[in-house]
Amino acid sequence: MAIFKPIHGQMRGRIGANVWSHNKGGDYVRVGTAPTNPNTVRQQEARSYLGDLAQAWTTVLTSAQRGNWKTYAQNHPVENALGQEIYLTGLNWYVKINARLWDTGDALLTNPPVGGGPGALTTLSIDVSAATTIDVTYTAALGAAERMQLWSSLPGSAGASPNFKQCRLVGYSAQAAASPIAFTSPFGIQSGDTVVVFAAILDDEGLIGPYLSADDTADY
């Protein structure tokens, strides 16, 4: 994706292999790709609760609560994929935070977080101990209401260097889980495969700390 400054107003739509559009970060152009839709069970569940949260924004939250989320959004800019500072809407933040809490089974929030979010992991290492098992060793200890969130790349060759956007969510630990934690990989990992993971601490307000990465070549 690239940013551009159109000379004659705003451009929209597909020209050849490029798609021109606009979002909160400004005008941009990207290579057009055909969307895929495997419609997995995980995707169906995600679509269901995202739809429920969007509906709850108008049917469950009060006007004052929606105003609180809008204020939170104005005070908490985020960085997009191009490193630009952008502002989400109150609805965006409400869904973003509560989707994580829904996923973990923690209580949903009707008002925005009041804390500053969890701290960072100090160290992180992994060991692929079986075809679908990733043992994660880490410091510092999780707090009483904190979980670890783990993402994993597809198993690949030792020379590969996948980034976060190429990873799939593996899942969450129990609250205050002690190191090491055994996660079940969504992929079958063969001996000799290299796996890259990204992990962060998630608190009970749906806020996530900085991600730390680690990798291991399976030799079980």
N, C-alpha and C. Protein backbone atom coordinates (compact mmCIF):
# COMPACT_ATOMS: atom_id res chain seq x y z
N MET A 1 0.84 -1.18 0.00
CA MET A 1 0.00 0.00 0.00
C MET A 1 0.88 1.23 0.00
N ALA A 2 0.47 2.30 -0.70
CA ALA A 2 1.25 3.53 -0.76
C ALA A 2 0.33 4.73 -0.62
N ILE A 3 0.85 5.81 -0.05
CA ILE A 3 0.12 7.07 0.05
C ILE A 3 0.36 7.86 -1.22
N PHE A 4 -0.64 8.62 -1.67
CA PHE A 4 -0.42 9.48 -2.82
C PHE A 4 -1.23 10.76 -2.64
N LYS A 5 -0.87 11.80 -3.39
CA LYS A 5 -1.55 13.08 -3.34
C LYS A 5 -2.14 13.36 -4.72
N PRO A 6 -3.44 13.08 -4.93
CA PRO A 6 -4.03 13.29 -6.25
C PRO A 6 -4.06 14.76 -6.63
N ILE A 7 -3.85 15.05 -7.92
CA ILE A 7 -3.85 16.42 -8.41
C ILE A 7 -5.27 16.91 -8.61
N HIS A 8 -6.14 16.03 -9.11
CA HIS A 8 -7.50 16.44 -9.42
C HIS A 8 -8.49 15.74 -8.49
N GLY A 9 -8.61 16.22 -7.28
CA GLY A 9 -9.58 15.67 -6.35
C GLY A 9 -9.22 14.27 -5.88
N GLN A 10 -10.24 13.53 -5.43
CA GLN A 10 -10.04 12.20 -4.89
C GLN A 10 -10.36 11.15 -5.93
N MET A 11 -9.50 10.13 -6.03
CA MET A 11 -9.70 9.03 -6.97
C MET A 11 -10.28 7.84 -6.23
N ARG A 12 -11.21 7.13 -6.87
CA ARG A 12 -11.85 5.98 -6.25
C ARG A 12 -11.99 4.87 -7.28
N GLY A 13 -11.83 3.64 -6.83
CA GLY A 13 -12.08 2.50 -7.69
C GLY A 13 -10.84 1.87 -8.27
N ARG A 14 -11.02 0.92 -9.16
CA ARG A 14 -9.93 0.13 -9.74
C ARG A 14 -9.51 0.69 -11.09
N ILE A 15 -8.19 0.82 -11.23
CA ILE A 15 -7.60 1.16 -12.53
C ILE A 15 -6.54 0.10 -12.80
N GLY A 16 -6.79 -0.77 -13.77
CA GLY A 16 -5.87 -1.88 -14.02
C GLY A 16 -5.79 -2.78 -12.80
N ALA A 17 -4.57 -3.01 -12.31
CA ALA A 17 -4.37 -3.88 -11.14
C ALA A 17 -4.37 -3.11 -9.84
N ASN A 18 -4.58 -1.77 -9.89
CA ASN A 18 -4.51 -0.93 -8.70
C ASN A 18 -5.89 -0.47 -8.24
N VAL A 19 -6.06 -0.40 -6.92
CA VAL A 19 -7.30 0.08 -6.32
C VAL A 19 -7.00 1.38 -5.59
N TRP A 20 -7.75 2.44 -5.91
CA TRP A 20 -7.56 3.76 -5.33
C TRP A 20 -8.69 4.01 -4.33
N SER A 21 -8.32 4.50 -3.15
CA SER A 21 -9.35 4.70 -2.13
C SER A 21 -8.90 5.76 -1.12
N HIS A 22 -9.65 5.87 -0.02
CA HIS A 22 -9.40 6.89 0.99
C HIS A 22 -9.88 6.34 2.33
N ASN A 23 -9.10 6.59 3.37
CA ASN A 23 -9.53 6.25 4.73
C ASN A 23 -9.12 7.37 5.67
N LYS A 24 -9.17 7.10 6.99
CA LYS A 24 -8.85 8.14 7.96
C LYS A 24 -7.41 8.64 7.84
N GLY A 25 -6.53 7.82 7.24
CA GLY A 25 -5.13 8.22 7.06
C GLY A 25 -4.90 9.05 5.81
N GLY A 26 -5.91 9.15 4.94
CA GLY A 26 -5.77 9.91 3.70
C GLY A 26 -5.97 9.04 2.48
N ASP A 27 -5.60 9.58 1.32
CA ASP A 27 -5.73 8.84 0.07
C ASP A 27 -4.62 7.79 -0.04
N TYR A 28 -4.94 6.66 -0.66
CA TYR A 28 -3.93 5.63 -0.85
C TYR A 28 -4.25 4.78 -2.07
N VAL A 29 -3.25 4.04 -2.55
CA VAL A 29 -3.42 3.09 -3.64
C VAL A 29 -2.80 1.77 -3.23
N ARG A 30 -3.44 0.68 -3.58
CA ARG A 30 -2.92 -0.65 -3.28
C ARG A 30 -3.16 -1.57 -4.45
N VAL A 31 -2.45 -2.68 -4.46
CA VAL A 31 -2.65 -3.68 -5.50
C VAL A 31 -3.95 -4.42 -5.21
N GLY A 32 -4.80 -4.53 -6.19
CA GLY A 32 -6.07 -5.22 -6.02
C GLY A 32 -5.88 -6.72 -5.99
N THR A 33 -6.54 -7.37 -5.07
CA THR A 33 -6.48 -8.83 -4.97
C THR A 33 -7.89 -9.39 -4.84
N ALA A 34 -8.08 -10.58 -5.34
CA ALA A 34 -9.38 -11.23 -5.20
C ALA A 34 -9.56 -11.69 -3.77
N PRO A 35 -10.66 -11.30 -3.10
CA PRO A 35 -10.86 -11.71 -1.71
C PRO A 35 -11.08 -13.21 -1.58
N THR A 36 -10.59 -13.76 -0.48
CA THR A 36 -10.84 -15.17 -0.19
C THR A 36 -11.79 -15.27 0.99
N ASN A 37 -12.56 -16.31 1.03
CA ASN A 37 -13.53 -16.47 2.10
C ASN A 37 -13.69 -17.94 2.44
N PRO A 38 -12.73 -18.51 3.19
CA PRO A 38 -12.84 -19.94 3.55
C PRO A 38 -14.05 -20.24 4.41
N ASN A 39 -14.57 -19.20 5.12
CA ASN A 39 -15.75 -19.35 5.98
C ASN A 39 -15.55 -20.44 7.02
N THR A 40 -14.43 -20.37 7.72
CA THR A 40 -14.13 -21.32 8.77
C THR A 40 -15.06 -21.10 9.96
N VAL A 41 -15.08 -22.07 10.88
CA VAL A 41 -15.88 -21.93 12.10
C VAL A 41 -15.44 -20.68 12.87
N ARG A 42 -14.12 -20.47 12.95
CA ARG A 42 -13.58 -19.30 13.64
C ARG A 42 -14.08 -18.00 13.00
N GLN A 43 -14.11 -17.93 11.68
CA GLN A 43 -14.61 -16.75 10.99
C GLN A 43 -16.09 -16.53 11.27
N GLN A 44 -16.86 -17.61 11.26
CA GLN A 44 -18.29 -17.49 11.52
C GLN A 44 -18.55 -16.96 12.93
N GLU A 45 -17.77 -17.48 13.90
CA GLU A 45 -17.93 -17.01 15.28
C GLU A 45 -17.57 -15.53 15.40
N ALA A 46 -16.47 -15.14 14.75
CA ALA A 46 -16.03 -13.75 14.81
C ALA A 46 -17.06 -12.82 14.20
N ARG A 47 -17.59 -13.18 13.06
CA ARG A 47 -18.60 -12.34 12.41
C ARG A 47 -19.84 -12.21 13.29
N SER A 48 -20.19 -13.30 13.96
CA SER A 48 -21.37 -13.27 14.82
C SER A 48 -21.21 -12.31 15.98
N TYR A 49 -20.08 -12.42 16.73
CA TYR A 49 -19.97 -11.54 17.88
C TYR A 49 -19.61 -10.12 17.51
N LEU A 50 -18.95 -9.90 16.37
CA LEU A 50 -18.72 -8.53 15.92
C LEU A 50 -20.05 -7.86 15.56
N GLY A 51 -20.94 -8.63 14.93
CA GLY A 51 -22.26 -8.11 14.63
C GLY A 51 -23.06 -7.81 15.89
N ASP A 52 -22.95 -8.70 16.88
CA ASP A 52 -23.66 -8.49 18.15
C ASP A 52 -23.15 -7.24 18.86
N LEU A 53 -21.83 -7.03 18.81
CA LEU A 53 -21.26 -5.85 19.47
C LEU A 53 -21.69 -4.56 18.77
N ALA A 54 -21.70 -4.58 17.44
CA ALA A 54 -22.13 -3.40 16.69
C ALA A 54 -23.59 -3.06 17.02
N GLN A 55 -24.41 -4.09 17.18
CA GLN A 55 -25.81 -3.87 17.54
C GLN A 55 -25.94 -3.36 18.96
N ALA A 56 -25.11 -3.89 19.86
CA ALA A 56 -25.16 -3.48 21.27
C ALA A 56 -24.78 -2.00 21.43
N TRP A 57 -23.98 -1.48 20.52
CA TRP A 57 -23.59 -0.06 20.57
C TRP A 57 -24.83 0.84 20.63
N THR A 58 -25.87 0.47 19.88
CA THR A 58 -27.08 1.30 19.85
C THR A 58 -28.20 0.79 20.75
N THR A 59 -28.20 -0.52 21.05
CA THR A 59 -29.32 -1.07 21.80
C THR A 59 -29.03 -1.29 23.29
N VAL A 60 -27.75 -1.36 23.66
CA VAL A 60 -27.38 -1.62 25.05
C VAL A 60 -26.77 -0.39 25.71
N LEU A 61 -25.83 0.25 25.03
CA LEU A 61 -25.16 1.41 25.61
C LEU A 61 -26.08 2.63 25.67
N THR A 62 -25.91 3.42 26.70
CA THR A 62 -26.64 4.67 26.81
C THR A 62 -25.93 5.75 25.98
N SER A 63 -26.61 6.85 25.78
CA SER A 63 -26.00 7.97 25.05
C SER A 63 -24.74 8.45 25.76
N ALA A 64 -24.78 8.48 27.10
CA ALA A 64 -23.61 8.92 27.87
C ALA A 64 -22.44 7.95 27.69
N GLN A 65 -22.74 6.66 27.68
CA GLN A 65 -21.67 5.67 27.51
C GLN A 65 -21.04 5.77 26.12
N ARG A 66 -21.88 5.98 25.10
CA ARG A 66 -21.34 6.15 23.75
C ARG A 66 -20.47 7.40 23.70
N GLY A 67 -20.88 8.44 24.41
CA GLY A 67 -20.08 9.65 24.47
C GLY A 67 -18.73 9.41 25.13
N ASN A 68 -18.72 8.56 26.16
CA ASN A 68 -17.45 8.23 26.83
C ASN A 68 -16.50 7.52 25.88
N TRP A 69 -17.03 6.60 25.05
CA TRP A 69 -16.19 5.90 24.08
C TRP A 69 -15.67 6.87 23.02
N LYS A 70 -16.48 7.83 22.62
CA LYS A 70 -16.03 8.81 21.62
C LYS A 70 -14.91 9.68 22.19
N THR A 71 -15.04 10.05 23.45
CA THR A 71 -13.98 10.83 24.10
C THR A 71 -12.71 10.00 24.20
N TYR A 72 -12.85 8.74 24.56
CA TYR A 72 -11.68 7.85 24.65
C TYR A 72 -10.98 7.77 23.30
N ALA A 73 -11.76 7.64 22.24
CA ALA A 73 -11.18 7.55 20.89
C ALA A 73 -10.39 8.81 20.53
N GLN A 74 -10.92 9.97 20.91
CA GLN A 74 -10.25 11.23 20.61
C GLN A 74 -8.92 11.37 21.36
N ASN A 75 -8.83 10.70 22.52
CA ASN A 75 -7.63 10.80 23.35
C ASN A 75 -6.63 9.68 23.12
N HIS A 76 -6.97 8.73 22.24
CA HIS A 76 -6.10 7.57 22.04
C HIS A 76 -5.90 7.30 20.54
N PRO A 77 -5.07 8.10 19.88
CA PRO A 77 -4.77 7.82 18.47
C PRO A 77 -3.98 6.53 18.34
N VAL A 78 -4.05 5.92 17.17
CA VAL A 78 -3.32 4.68 16.91
C VAL A 78 -2.47 4.88 15.65
N GLU A 79 -1.54 3.97 15.44
CA GLU A 79 -0.66 4.05 14.27
C GLU A 79 -1.13 3.06 13.23
N ASN A 80 -1.28 3.52 11.98
CA ASN A 80 -1.70 2.60 10.93
C ASN A 80 -0.51 1.87 10.32
N ALA A 81 -0.76 1.08 9.28
CA ALA A 81 0.29 0.25 8.69
C ALA A 81 1.41 1.07 8.06
N LEU A 82 1.13 2.34 7.77
CA LEU A 82 2.12 3.21 7.15
C LEU A 82 2.83 4.10 8.16
N GLY A 83 2.56 3.85 9.45
CA GLY A 83 3.22 4.62 10.50
C GLY A 83 2.58 5.96 10.77
N GLN A 84 1.39 6.19 10.22
CA GLN A 84 0.69 7.46 10.44
C GLN A 84 -0.19 7.38 11.67
N GLU A 85 -0.35 8.49 12.36
CA GLU A 85 -1.24 8.57 13.51
C GLU A 85 -2.64 8.85 13.02
N ILE A 86 -3.58 7.97 13.37
CA ILE A 86 -4.97 8.15 12.96
C ILE A 86 -5.87 7.99 14.19
N TYR A 87 -7.12 8.41 14.05
CA TYR A 87 -8.09 8.31 15.15
C TYR A 87 -9.22 7.38 14.76
N LEU A 88 -9.46 6.38 15.59
CA LEU A 88 -10.60 5.50 15.40
C LEU A 88 -11.85 6.19 15.95
N THR A 89 -13.01 5.64 15.64
CA THR A 89 -14.25 6.16 16.21
C THR A 89 -14.51 5.51 17.56
N GLY A 90 -15.45 6.06 18.30
CA GLY A 90 -15.84 5.44 19.56
C GLY A 90 -16.36 4.03 19.35
N LEU A 91 -17.15 3.83 18.29
CA LEU A 91 -17.66 2.49 17.96
C LEU A 91 -16.50 1.54 17.66
N ASN A 92 -15.51 2.02 16.90
CA ASN A 92 -14.35 1.18 16.60
C ASN A 92 -13.69 0.67 17.87
N TRP A 93 -13.47 1.57 18.83
CA TRP A 93 -12.81 1.19 20.07
C TRP A 93 -13.69 0.25 20.90
N TYR A 94 -14.99 0.52 20.94
CA TYR A 94 -15.91 -0.33 21.70
C TYR A 94 -15.86 -1.77 21.18
N VAL A 95 -15.90 -1.92 19.85
CA VAL A 95 -15.87 -3.26 19.25
C VAL A 95 -14.49 -3.89 19.42
N LYS A 96 -13.44 -3.10 19.20
CA LYS A 96 -12.06 -3.60 19.29
C LYS A 96 -11.76 -4.18 20.67
N ILE A 97 -12.10 -3.41 21.71
CA ILE A 97 -11.84 -3.83 23.09
C ILE A 97 -12.70 -5.04 23.46
N ASN A 98 -13.99 -4.94 23.20
CA ASN A 98 -14.90 -5.99 23.64
C ASN A 98 -14.80 -7.27 22.82
N ALA A 99 -14.32 -7.18 21.58
CA ALA A 99 -14.11 -8.40 20.80
C ALA A 99 -13.05 -9.26 21.46
N ARG A 100 -12.00 -8.63 21.99
CA ARG A 100 -10.97 -9.39 22.71
C ARG A 100 -11.54 -10.01 23.98
N LEU A 101 -12.33 -9.23 24.72
CA LEU A 101 -12.90 -9.74 25.96
C LEU A 101 -13.89 -10.87 25.70
N TRP A 102 -14.65 -10.73 24.65
CA TRP A 102 -15.59 -11.78 24.25
C TRP A 102 -14.83 -13.06 23.92
N ASP A 103 -13.71 -12.89 23.22
CA ASP A 103 -12.90 -14.02 22.82
C ASP A 103 -12.32 -14.78 24.01
N THR A 104 -11.99 -14.06 25.07
CA THR A 104 -11.39 -14.70 26.26
C THR A 104 -12.45 -15.15 27.26
N GLY A 105 -13.68 -14.64 27.12
CA GLY A 105 -14.71 -14.98 28.09
C GLY A 105 -14.75 -14.03 29.27
N ASP A 106 -13.97 -12.95 29.24
CA ASP A 106 -13.99 -11.97 30.32
C ASP A 106 -15.20 -11.04 30.17
N ALA A 107 -15.52 -10.33 31.24
CA ALA A 107 -16.68 -9.45 31.24
C ALA A 107 -16.51 -8.30 30.23
N LEU A 108 -17.56 -8.02 29.47
CA LEU A 108 -17.52 -6.94 28.49
C LEU A 108 -17.61 -5.58 29.19
N LEU A 109 -17.12 -4.55 28.50
CA LEU A 109 -17.13 -3.19 29.05
C LEU A 109 -18.22 -2.37 28.39
N THR A 110 -18.97 -1.63 29.20
CA THR A 110 -19.91 -0.66 28.65
C THR A 110 -19.30 0.73 28.63
N ASN A 111 -18.30 0.95 29.47
CA ASN A 111 -17.53 2.19 29.45
C ASN A 111 -16.08 1.87 29.08
N PRO A 112 -15.36 2.81 28.50
CA PRO A 112 -13.98 2.53 28.05
C PRO A 112 -13.03 2.23 29.18
N PRO A 113 -11.88 1.65 28.87
CA PRO A 113 -10.88 1.34 29.90
C PRO A 113 -10.46 2.57 30.67
N VAL A 114 -10.11 2.34 31.92
CA VAL A 114 -9.63 3.45 32.76
C VAL A 114 -8.15 3.29 33.08
N GLY A 115 -7.60 2.10 32.85
CA GLY A 115 -6.19 1.85 33.13
C GLY A 115 -5.31 2.20 31.94
N GLY A 116 -4.02 2.14 32.15
CA GLY A 116 -3.08 2.45 31.09
C GLY A 116 -2.64 1.27 30.27
N GLY A 117 -3.19 0.10 30.55
CA GLY A 117 -2.82 -1.10 29.80
C GLY A 117 -1.70 -1.87 30.48
N PRO A 118 -1.51 -3.11 30.08
CA PRO A 118 -0.48 -3.95 30.71
C PRO A 118 0.92 -3.57 30.26
N GLY A 119 1.91 -4.04 31.02
CA GLY A 119 3.29 -3.80 30.65
C GLY A 119 3.76 -4.78 29.58
N ALA A 120 5.04 -4.71 29.27
CA ALA A 120 5.61 -5.56 28.23
C ALA A 120 6.22 -6.82 28.82
N LEU A 121 6.23 -7.88 28.03
CA LEU A 121 6.99 -9.07 28.40
C LEU A 121 8.48 -8.71 28.38
N THR A 122 9.23 -9.24 29.32
CA THR A 122 10.66 -8.95 29.39
C THR A 122 11.46 -9.90 28.49
N THR A 123 11.16 -11.18 28.59
CA THR A 123 11.81 -12.18 27.75
C THR A 123 10.77 -13.15 27.21
N LEU A 124 11.09 -13.78 26.08
CA LEU A 124 10.17 -14.73 25.46
C LEU A 124 10.97 -15.76 24.68
N SER A 125 10.69 -17.04 24.90
CA SER A 125 11.30 -18.11 24.11
C SER A 125 10.27 -19.21 23.93
N ILE A 126 10.42 -20.00 22.87
CA ILE A 126 9.47 -21.08 22.62
C ILE A 126 10.20 -22.38 22.29
N ASP A 127 9.48 -23.48 22.49
CA ASP A 127 9.98 -24.80 22.12
C ASP A 127 8.83 -25.58 21.51
N VAL A 128 8.98 -25.97 20.25
CA VAL A 128 7.98 -26.82 19.61
C VAL A 128 8.24 -28.24 20.10
N SER A 129 7.43 -28.68 21.06
CA SER A 129 7.70 -29.95 21.73
C SER A 129 6.93 -31.12 21.13
N ALA A 130 5.98 -30.83 20.23
CA ALA A 130 5.21 -31.88 19.56
C ALA A 130 4.62 -31.28 18.29
N ALA A 131 3.95 -32.10 17.50
CA ALA A 131 3.46 -31.65 16.19
C ALA A 131 2.50 -30.46 16.29
N THR A 132 1.77 -30.33 17.38
CA THR A 132 0.84 -29.21 17.54
C THR A 132 1.00 -28.50 18.88
N THR A 133 2.16 -28.63 19.50
CA THR A 133 2.36 -28.02 20.82
C THR A 133 3.52 -27.03 20.80
N ILE A 134 3.24 -25.80 21.25
CA ILE A 134 4.26 -24.76 21.38
C ILE A 134 4.34 -24.40 22.85
N ASP A 135 5.47 -24.70 23.47
CA ASP A 135 5.69 -24.34 24.87
C ASP A 135 6.33 -22.95 24.93
N VAL A 136 5.69 -22.05 25.66
CA VAL A 136 6.13 -20.66 25.73
C VAL A 136 6.67 -20.36 27.12
N THR A 137 7.92 -19.94 27.18
CA THR A 137 8.56 -19.55 28.43
C THR A 137 8.78 -18.05 28.41
N TYR A 138 8.48 -17.38 29.51
CA TYR A 138 8.53 -15.93 29.49
C TYR A 138 8.77 -15.35 30.88
N THR A 139 9.15 -14.10 30.91
CA THR A 139 9.14 -13.21 32.08
C THR A 139 8.63 -11.87 31.55
N ALA A 140 8.02 -11.00 32.32
CA ALA A 140 7.74 -11.10 33.75
C ALA A 140 6.43 -11.85 33.98
N ALA A 141 6.12 -12.10 35.25
CA ALA A 141 4.93 -12.87 35.59
C ALA A 141 3.65 -12.11 35.21
N LEU A 142 2.64 -12.86 34.80
CA LEU A 142 1.34 -12.26 34.52
C LEU A 142 0.65 -11.86 35.81
N GLY A 143 -0.07 -10.74 35.77
CA GLY A 143 -0.84 -10.32 36.92
C GLY A 143 -2.09 -11.16 37.09
N ALA A 144 -2.80 -10.94 38.18
CA ALA A 144 -3.97 -11.76 38.52
C ALA A 144 -5.05 -11.72 37.45
N ALA A 145 -5.18 -10.59 36.74
CA ALA A 145 -6.23 -10.44 35.72
C ALA A 145 -5.64 -10.34 34.32
N GLU A 146 -4.44 -10.86 34.14
CA GLU A 146 -3.77 -10.77 32.85
C GLU A 146 -3.62 -12.14 32.19
N ARG A 147 -3.67 -12.14 30.87
CA ARG A 147 -3.49 -13.35 30.07
C ARG A 147 -2.37 -13.10 29.05
N MET A 148 -1.85 -14.17 28.48
CA MET A 148 -0.97 -14.05 27.33
C MET A 148 -1.77 -14.29 26.07
N GLN A 149 -1.58 -13.42 25.08
CA GLN A 149 -2.15 -13.61 23.75
C GLN A 149 -1.02 -14.05 22.83
N LEU A 150 -1.24 -15.13 22.06
CA LEU A 150 -0.18 -15.68 21.22
C LEU A 150 -0.63 -15.79 19.77
N TRP A 151 0.25 -15.35 18.86
CA TRP A 151 0.06 -15.48 17.42
C TRP A 151 1.19 -16.33 16.86
N SER A 152 0.92 -17.08 15.80
CA SER A 152 1.93 -17.96 15.22
C SER A 152 1.93 -17.87 13.70
N SER A 153 3.12 -17.97 13.12
CA SER A 153 3.24 -18.05 11.67
C SER A 153 2.97 -19.48 11.20
N LEU A 154 2.79 -19.63 9.91
CA LEU A 154 2.78 -20.97 9.32
C LEU A 154 4.17 -21.59 9.50
N PRO A 155 4.27 -22.88 9.72
CA PRO A 155 5.59 -23.52 9.76
C PRO A 155 6.29 -23.32 8.42
N GLY A 156 7.58 -23.00 8.48
CA GLY A 156 8.31 -22.75 7.24
C GLY A 156 9.77 -23.11 7.37
N SER A 157 10.55 -22.69 6.39
CA SER A 157 11.98 -22.97 6.39
C SER A 157 12.68 -22.04 7.36
N ALA A 158 13.90 -22.42 7.75
CA ALA A 158 14.65 -21.65 8.72
C ALA A 158 14.98 -20.25 8.21
N GLY A 159 15.07 -20.06 6.89
CA GLY A 159 15.43 -18.76 6.34
C GLY A 159 14.27 -17.78 6.26
N ALA A 160 13.05 -18.25 6.47
CA ALA A 160 11.88 -17.38 6.37
C ALA A 160 11.81 -16.43 7.56
N SER A 161 11.24 -15.25 7.33
CA SER A 161 11.12 -14.27 8.40
C SER A 161 9.74 -13.61 8.35
N PRO A 162 8.68 -14.37 8.69
CA PRO A 162 7.32 -13.82 8.63
C PRO A 162 7.11 -12.71 9.63
N ASN A 163 6.25 -11.75 9.27
CA ASN A 163 5.93 -10.67 10.20
C ASN A 163 4.59 -10.92 10.87
N PHE A 164 4.20 -10.01 11.74
CA PHE A 164 2.99 -10.19 12.53
C PHE A 164 1.75 -10.36 11.66
N LYS A 165 1.67 -9.60 10.56
CA LYS A 165 0.48 -9.65 9.72
C LYS A 165 0.33 -11.00 9.01
N GLN A 166 1.38 -11.79 9.00
CA GLN A 166 1.32 -13.12 8.38
C GLN A 166 1.00 -14.22 9.39
N CYS A 167 0.72 -13.82 10.61
CA CYS A 167 0.47 -14.80 11.67
C CYS A 167 -1.02 -14.98 11.95
N ARG A 168 -1.35 -16.10 12.56
CA ARG A 168 -2.73 -16.40 12.96
C ARG A 168 -2.80 -16.45 14.48
N LEU A 169 -3.92 -15.98 15.00
CA LEU A 169 -4.12 -16.03 16.45
C LEU A 169 -4.20 -17.48 16.91
N VAL A 170 -3.31 -17.85 17.84
CA VAL A 170 -3.33 -19.19 18.43
C VAL A 170 -4.34 -19.24 19.57
N GLY A 171 -4.31 -18.24 20.44
CA GLY A 171 -5.26 -18.21 21.55
C GLY A 171 -4.71 -17.44 22.73
N TYR A 172 -5.33 -17.68 23.88
CA TYR A 172 -5.02 -16.97 25.11
C TYR A 172 -4.74 -17.96 26.23
N SER A 173 -3.88 -17.56 27.13
CA SER A 173 -3.64 -18.38 28.32
C SER A 173 -4.74 -18.12 29.33
N ALA A 174 -4.75 -18.90 30.39
CA ALA A 174 -5.61 -18.59 31.54
C ALA A 174 -5.05 -17.35 32.22
N GLN A 175 -5.87 -16.70 33.03
CA GLN A 175 -5.38 -15.55 33.79
C GLN A 175 -4.28 -16.00 34.75
N ALA A 176 -3.24 -15.16 34.83
CA ALA A 176 -2.12 -15.39 35.75
C ALA A 176 -1.42 -16.72 35.52
N ALA A 177 -1.47 -17.23 34.29
CA ALA A 177 -0.82 -18.52 33.99
C ALA A 177 0.68 -18.42 34.23
N ALA A 178 1.23 -19.43 34.85
CA ALA A 178 2.67 -19.45 35.14
C ALA A 178 3.45 -19.94 33.94
N SER A 179 4.66 -19.45 33.81
CA SER A 179 5.57 -19.90 32.76
C SER A 179 6.16 -21.27 33.13
N PRO A 180 6.29 -22.18 32.15
CA PRO A 180 5.92 -22.08 30.73
C PRO A 180 4.44 -22.41 30.51
N ILE A 181 3.92 -21.95 29.36
CA ILE A 181 2.54 -22.23 28.96
C ILE A 181 2.56 -23.06 27.69
N ALA A 182 1.77 -24.12 27.65
CA ALA A 182 1.67 -24.97 26.46
C ALA A 182 0.47 -24.52 25.63
N PHE A 183 0.72 -24.03 24.42
CA PHE A 183 -0.34 -23.64 23.50
C PHE A 183 -0.48 -24.70 22.42
N THR A 184 -1.71 -24.91 21.95
CA THR A 184 -1.96 -25.83 20.85
C THR A 184 -1.94 -25.06 19.54
N SER A 185 -1.00 -25.41 18.66
CA SER A 185 -0.85 -24.72 17.38
C SER A 185 -1.99 -25.07 16.44
N PRO A 186 -2.49 -24.09 15.65
CA PRO A 186 -3.51 -24.41 14.64
C PRO A 186 -2.93 -25.12 13.43
N PHE A 187 -1.59 -25.22 13.37
CA PHE A 187 -0.92 -25.86 12.25
C PHE A 187 -0.21 -27.14 12.70
N GLY A 188 -0.09 -28.09 11.80
CA GLY A 188 0.74 -29.26 12.06
C GLY A 188 2.19 -28.89 11.79
N ILE A 189 3.07 -29.11 12.75
CA ILE A 189 4.47 -28.71 12.63
C ILE A 189 5.33 -29.96 12.52
N GLN A 190 6.08 -30.07 11.44
CA GLN A 190 6.96 -31.22 11.24
C GLN A 190 8.36 -30.92 11.75
N SER A 191 9.08 -31.95 12.11
CA SER A 191 10.45 -31.77 12.55
C SER A 191 11.25 -31.07 11.45
N GLY A 192 11.98 -30.04 11.82
CA GLY A 192 12.73 -29.24 10.86
C GLY A 192 12.03 -27.96 10.46
N ASP A 193 10.72 -27.84 10.74
CA ASP A 193 9.99 -26.60 10.46
C ASP A 193 10.36 -25.53 11.48
N THR A 194 10.39 -24.29 11.01
CA THR A 194 10.61 -23.16 11.90
C THR A 194 9.30 -22.41 12.10
N VAL A 195 9.02 -22.05 13.34
CA VAL A 195 7.81 -21.32 13.69
C VAL A 195 8.20 -20.01 14.37
N VAL A 196 7.55 -18.93 13.95
CA VAL A 196 7.75 -17.62 14.58
C VAL A 196 6.47 -17.25 15.32
N VAL A 197 6.59 -16.81 16.56
CA VAL A 197 5.41 -16.39 17.33
C VAL A 197 5.57 -14.95 17.78
N PHE A 198 4.43 -14.32 18.04
CA PHE A 198 4.37 -12.99 18.65
C PHE A 198 3.46 -13.11 19.87
N ALA A 199 3.91 -12.59 20.99
CA ALA A 199 3.13 -12.70 22.23
C ALA A 199 3.06 -11.34 22.92
N ALA A 200 1.97 -11.13 23.64
CA ALA A 200 1.78 -9.90 24.40
C ALA A 200 0.87 -10.19 25.57
N ILE A 201 0.86 -9.29 26.53
CA ILE A 201 0.00 -9.41 27.71
C ILE A 201 -1.32 -8.69 27.44
N LEU A 202 -2.42 -9.35 27.75
CA LEU A 202 -3.76 -8.79 27.61
C LEU A 202 -4.38 -8.67 29.00
N ASP A 203 -4.92 -7.48 29.32
CA ASP A 203 -5.54 -7.33 30.64
C ASP A 203 -7.05 -7.48 30.55
N ASP A 204 -7.73 -7.37 31.70
CA ASP A 204 -9.17 -7.61 31.74
C ASP A 204 -9.98 -6.40 31.28
N GLU A 205 -9.31 -5.36 30.77
CA GLU A 205 -9.99 -4.25 30.12
C GLU A 205 -9.81 -4.31 28.60
N GLY A 206 -9.25 -5.44 28.12
CA GLY A 206 -9.09 -5.62 26.69
C GLY A 206 -7.92 -4.88 26.07
N LEU A 207 -7.01 -4.38 26.91
CA LEU A 207 -5.85 -3.65 26.40
C LEU A 207 -4.66 -4.60 26.29
N ILE A 208 -3.86 -4.41 25.25
CA ILE A 208 -2.73 -5.29 24.96
C ILE A 208 -1.42 -4.52 25.06
N GLY A 209 -0.43 -5.14 25.67
CA GLY A 209 0.89 -4.55 25.77
C GLY A 209 1.68 -4.76 24.48
N PRO A 210 2.93 -4.31 24.45
CA PRO A 210 3.78 -4.47 23.26
C PRO A 210 4.04 -5.96 22.96
N TYR A 211 4.15 -6.27 21.68
CA TYR A 211 4.42 -7.65 21.27
C TYR A 211 5.92 -7.93 21.30
N LEU A 212 6.25 -9.15 21.68
CA LEU A 212 7.61 -9.65 21.65
C LEU A 212 7.60 -10.91 20.80
N SER A 213 8.63 -11.13 20.01
CA SER A 213 8.65 -12.30 19.12
C SER A 213 9.73 -13.30 19.53
N ALA A 214 9.53 -14.54 19.11
CA ALA A 214 10.49 -15.62 19.35
C ALA A 214 10.29 -16.66 18.26
N ASP A 215 11.26 -17.51 18.05
CA ASP A 215 11.13 -18.56 17.05
C ASP A 215 11.82 -19.83 17.51
N ASP A 216 11.46 -20.94 16.87
CA ASP A 216 12.08 -22.23 17.18
C ASP A 216 11.98 -23.13 15.98
N THR A 217 13.00 -23.94 15.78
CA THR A 217 12.97 -24.96 14.73
C THR A 217 12.67 -26.30 15.41
N ALA A 218 11.59 -26.92 14.98
CA ALA A 218 11.13 -28.16 15.64
C ALA A 218 12.17 -29.26 15.51
N ASP A 219 12.47 -29.90 16.64
CA ASP A 219 13.38 -31.04 16.63
C ASP A 219 12.88 -32.13 17.58
N TYR A 220 11.56 -32.20 17.75
CA TYR A 220 10.99 -33.19 18.65
C TYR A 220 11.14 -34.59 18.12
